[in-house]
C-alpha atoms as a PDB file:
ATOM      1  CA  MET A   1      81.356 113.253  98.437  1.00  0.00           C
ATOM      2  CA  GLU A   2      79.762 112.433 101.785  1.00  0.00           C
ATOM      3  CA  TYR A   3      76.619 111.109 100.079  1.00  0.00           C
ATOM      4  CA  ASP A   4      78.652 108.874  97.763  1.00  0.00           C
ATOM      5  CA  SER A   5      80.641 107.573 100.710  1.00  0.00           C
ATOM      6  CA  ARG A   6      77.468 106.695 102.611  1.00  0.00           C
ATOM      7  CA  VAL A   7      75.917 104.978  99.592  1.00  0.00           C
ATOM      8  CA  ASN A   8      79.088 102.957  98.981  1.00  0.00           C
ATOM      9  CA  HIS A   9      79.267 101.966 102.644  1.00  0.00           C
ATOM     10  CA  THR A  10      75.619 100.871 102.563  1.00  0.00           C
ATOM     11  CA  ILE A  11      76.204  98.758  99.453  1.00  0.00           C
ATOM     12  CA  GLU A  12      79.320  97.182 100.964  1.00  0.00           C
ATOM     13  CA  ARG A  13      77.372  96.386 104.158  1.00  0.00           C
ATOM     14  CA  PHE A  14      74.485  94.849 102.177  1.00  0.00           C
ATOM     15  CA  ILE A  15      76.917  92.660 100.212  1.00  0.00           C
ATOM     16  CA  LYS A  16      78.690  91.552 103.395  1.00  0.00           C
ATOM     17  CA  ASN A  17      75.436  90.789 105.237  1.00  0.00           C
ATOM     18  CA  ALA A  18      74.082  88.757 102.297  1.00  0.00           C
ATOM     19  CA  HIS A  19      76.778  86.082 102.859  1.00  0.00           C
ATOM     20  CA  PHE A  20      77.517  85.554  99.174  1.00  0.00           C
ATOM     21  CA  TYR A  21      79.732  82.661  98.157  1.00  0.00           C
ATOM     22  CA  ASP A  22      81.443  84.879  95.548  1.00  0.00           C
ATOM     23  CA  SER A  23      81.193  88.561  96.431  1.00  0.00           C
ATOM     24  CA  ILE A  24      82.844  89.751  93.193  1.00  0.00           C
ATOM     25  CA  ALA A  25      80.358  88.178  90.762  1.00  0.00           C
ATOM     26  CA  SER A  26      78.655  90.728  88.519  1.00  0.00           C
ATOM     27  CA  MET A  27      75.895  90.848  85.932  1.00  0.00           C
ATOM     28  CA  GLU A  28      78.302  92.546  83.530  1.00  0.00           C
ATOM     29  CA  SER A  29      80.619  89.506  83.621  1.00  0.00           C
ATOM     30  CA  ILE A  30      78.051  86.855  82.698  1.00  0.00           C
ATOM     31  CA  ASN A  31      79.366  84.394  80.139  1.00  0.00           C
ATOM     32  CA  TYR A  32      76.647  83.730  77.562  1.00  0.00           C
ATOM     33  CA  ASN A  33      78.396  80.693  76.107  1.00  0.00           C
ATOM     34  CA  PRO A  34      75.802  78.683  74.090  1.00  0.00           C
ATOM     35  CA  ASP A  35      76.531  75.584  76.198  1.00  0.00           C
ATOM     36  CA  ARG A  36      75.107  77.377  79.226  1.00  0.00           C
ATOM     37  CA  LYS A  37      71.797  78.028  77.457  1.00  0.00           C
ATOM     38  CA  LEU A  38      71.300  81.375  79.185  1.00  0.00           C
ATOM     39  CA  ASP A  39      68.684  83.688  77.766  1.00  0.00           C
ATOM     40  CA  ARG A  40      70.346  87.106  77.546  1.00  0.00           C
ATOM     41  CA  SER A  41      67.013  88.964  77.416  1.00  0.00           C
ATOM     42  CA  GLN A  42      65.802  87.140  80.524  1.00  0.00           C
ATOM     43  CA  MET A  43      68.993  88.008  82.406  1.00  0.00           C
ATOM     44  CA  GLU A  44      68.650  91.638  81.302  1.00  0.00           C
ATOM     45  CA  GLU A  45      65.064  91.636  82.581  1.00  0.00           C
ATOM     46  CA  LEU A  46      66.264  90.243  85.919  1.00  0.00           C
ATOM     47  CA  SER A  47      68.874  93.011  86.099  1.00  0.00           C
ATOM     48  CA  THR A  48      66.048  95.573  86.302  1.00  0.00           C
ATOM     49  CA  ASN A  49      65.160  94.170  89.763  1.00  0.00           C
ATOM     50  CA  ASN A  50      61.453  94.325  88.865  1.00  0.00           C
ATOM     51  CA  TYR A  51      61.028  90.816  90.249  1.00  0.00           C
ATOM     52  CA  ILE A  52      62.021  92.159  93.673  1.00  0.00           C
ATOM     53  CA  ASN A  53      59.566  95.050  93.470  1.00  0.00           C
ATOM     54  CA  ASN A  54      56.861  92.513  92.522  1.00  0.00           C
ATOM     55  CA  GLY A  55      57.704  90.253  95.477  1.00  0.00           C
ATOM     56  CA  LEU A  56      58.980  87.391  93.318  1.00  0.00           C
ATOM     57  CA  ASN A  57      61.917  85.029  93.806  1.00  0.00           C
ATOM     58  CA  VAL A  58      64.443  83.611  91.367  1.00  0.00           C
ATOM     59  CA  ILE A  59      65.410  79.950  91.447  1.00  0.00           C
ATOM     60  CA  PHE A  60      68.238  78.645  89.289  1.00  0.00           C
ATOM     61  CA  VAL A  61      68.039  74.987  88.295  1.00  0.00           C
ATOM     62  CA  GLY A  62      70.589  73.083  86.248  1.00  0.00           C
ATOM     63  CA  ALA A  63      73.392  70.574  86.117  1.00  0.00           C
ATOM     64  CA  SER A  64      76.389  70.785  88.380  1.00  0.00           C
ATOM     65  CA  GLY A  65      79.054  73.185  87.162  1.00  0.00           C
ATOM     66  CA  TYR A  66      76.832  75.403  85.016  1.00  0.00           C
ATOM     67  CA  GLY A  67      77.245  78.438  87.275  1.00  0.00           C
ATOM     68  CA  LYS A  68      74.014  78.567  89.273  1.00  0.00           C
ATOM     69  CA  THR A  69      75.831  79.789  92.390  1.00  0.00           C
ATOM     70  CA  TRP A  70      77.798  82.397  90.488  1.00  0.00           C
ATOM     71  CA  LEU A  71      74.672  83.658  88.671  1.00  0.00           C
ATOM     72  CA  SER A  72      72.710  83.914  91.897  1.00  0.00           C
ATOM     73  CA  ASN A  73      75.583  85.811  93.505  1.00  0.00           C
ATOM     74  CA  ALA A  74      75.824  88.181  90.516  1.00  0.00           C
ATOM     75  CA  LEU A  75      72.081  88.816  90.657  1.00  0.00           C
ATOM     76  CA  GLY A  76      72.181  89.354  94.414  1.00  0.00           C
ATOM     77  CA  ILE A  77      75.131  91.733  94.245  1.00  0.00           C
ATOM     78  CA  HIS A  78      73.342  93.651  91.508  1.00  0.00           C
ATOM     79  CA  ALA A  79      70.328  93.996  93.815  1.00  0.00           C
ATOM     80  CA  CYS A  80      72.591  95.143  96.680  1.00  0.00           C
ATOM     81  CA  ARG A  81      74.003  97.848  94.400  1.00  0.00           C
ATOM     82  CA  ASP A  82      70.402  98.968  93.907  1.00  0.00           C
ATOM     83  CA  ARG A  83      70.223  99.120  97.722  1.00  0.00           C
ATOM     84  CA  LYS A  84      68.011  96.069  98.124  1.00  0.00           C
ATOM     85  CA  THR A  85      68.486  93.767 101.099  1.00  0.00           C
ATOM     86  CA  VAL A  86      69.583  90.294 100.008  1.00  0.00           C
ATOM     87  CA  LEU A  87      70.253  86.974 101.714  1.00  0.00           C
ATOM     88  CA  TYR A  88      72.128  84.264  99.844  1.00  0.00           C
ATOM     89  CA  ILE A  89      71.155  80.885 101.233  1.00  0.00           C
ATOM     90  CA  ARG A  90      71.299  77.392  99.789  1.00  0.00           C
ATOM     91  CA  LEU A  91      68.134  75.281  99.783  1.00  0.00           C
ATOM     92  CA  PRO A  92      69.208  72.727 102.444  1.00  0.00           C
ATOM     93  CA  GLU A  93      70.189  75.566 104.781  1.00  0.00           C
ATOM     94  CA  LEU A  94      66.903  77.338 104.075  1.00  0.00           C
ATOM     95  CA  PHE A  95      64.884  74.228 104.978  1.00  0.00           C
ATOM     96  CA  SER A  96      66.884  73.834 108.201  1.00  0.00           C
ATOM     97  CA  LYS A  97      66.230  77.472 109.056  1.00  0.00           C
ATOM     98  CA  PHE A  98      62.491  77.025 108.327  1.00  0.00           C
ATOM     99  CA  GLU A  99      62.369  74.058 110.705  1.00  0.00           C
ATOM    100  CA  GLU A 100      64.278  75.971 113.386  1.00  0.00           C
ATOM    101  CA  MET A 101      61.910  78.944 113.117  1.00  0.00           C
ATOM    102  CA  ARG A 102      58.846  76.663 113.128  1.00  0.00           C
ATOM    103  CA  ILE A 103      60.019  75.082 116.387  1.00  0.00           C
ATOM    104  CA  GLN A 104      60.577  78.548 117.898  1.00  0.00           C
ATOM    105  CA  GLY A 105      57.143  79.706 116.702  1.00  0.00           C
ATOM    106  CA  LYS A 106      58.684  82.377 114.468  1.00  0.00           C
ATOM    107  CA  TYR A 107      58.083  80.750 111.066  1.00  0.00           C
ATOM    108  CA  ASN A 108      55.779  83.431 109.632  1.00  0.00           C
ATOM    109  CA  GLU A 109      58.043  86.201 110.910  1.00  0.00           C
ATOM    110  CA  TYR A 110      61.042  84.577 109.228  1.00  0.00           C
ATOM    111  CA  LEU A 111      59.187  84.247 105.919  1.00  0.00           C
ATOM    112  CA  LYS A 112      58.744  88.016 105.828  1.00  0.00           C
END
């Protein structure tokens, strides 16, 4: 019981620290409506978290309203449940943070 409590607390902390826009999104709730043109097998592959273990990133691109934010949150929460550290950040904010770190001389450290 103690172990489960610690694991759950760790997952909750990871989800909170990731700053998700929607912290209840989940891979199990993905809507595979044909209009969205989501590849179910690709999403299932992403749910293995192998891309994280291989040091890769995921970038969602598409029209407004197609659920890019929700999908990224679902993928991130799934990684948190696998006890991976996640940071949800939008591209403009990421570029601002890169510039801030470059000015402070901490750019390479931040990239890690």
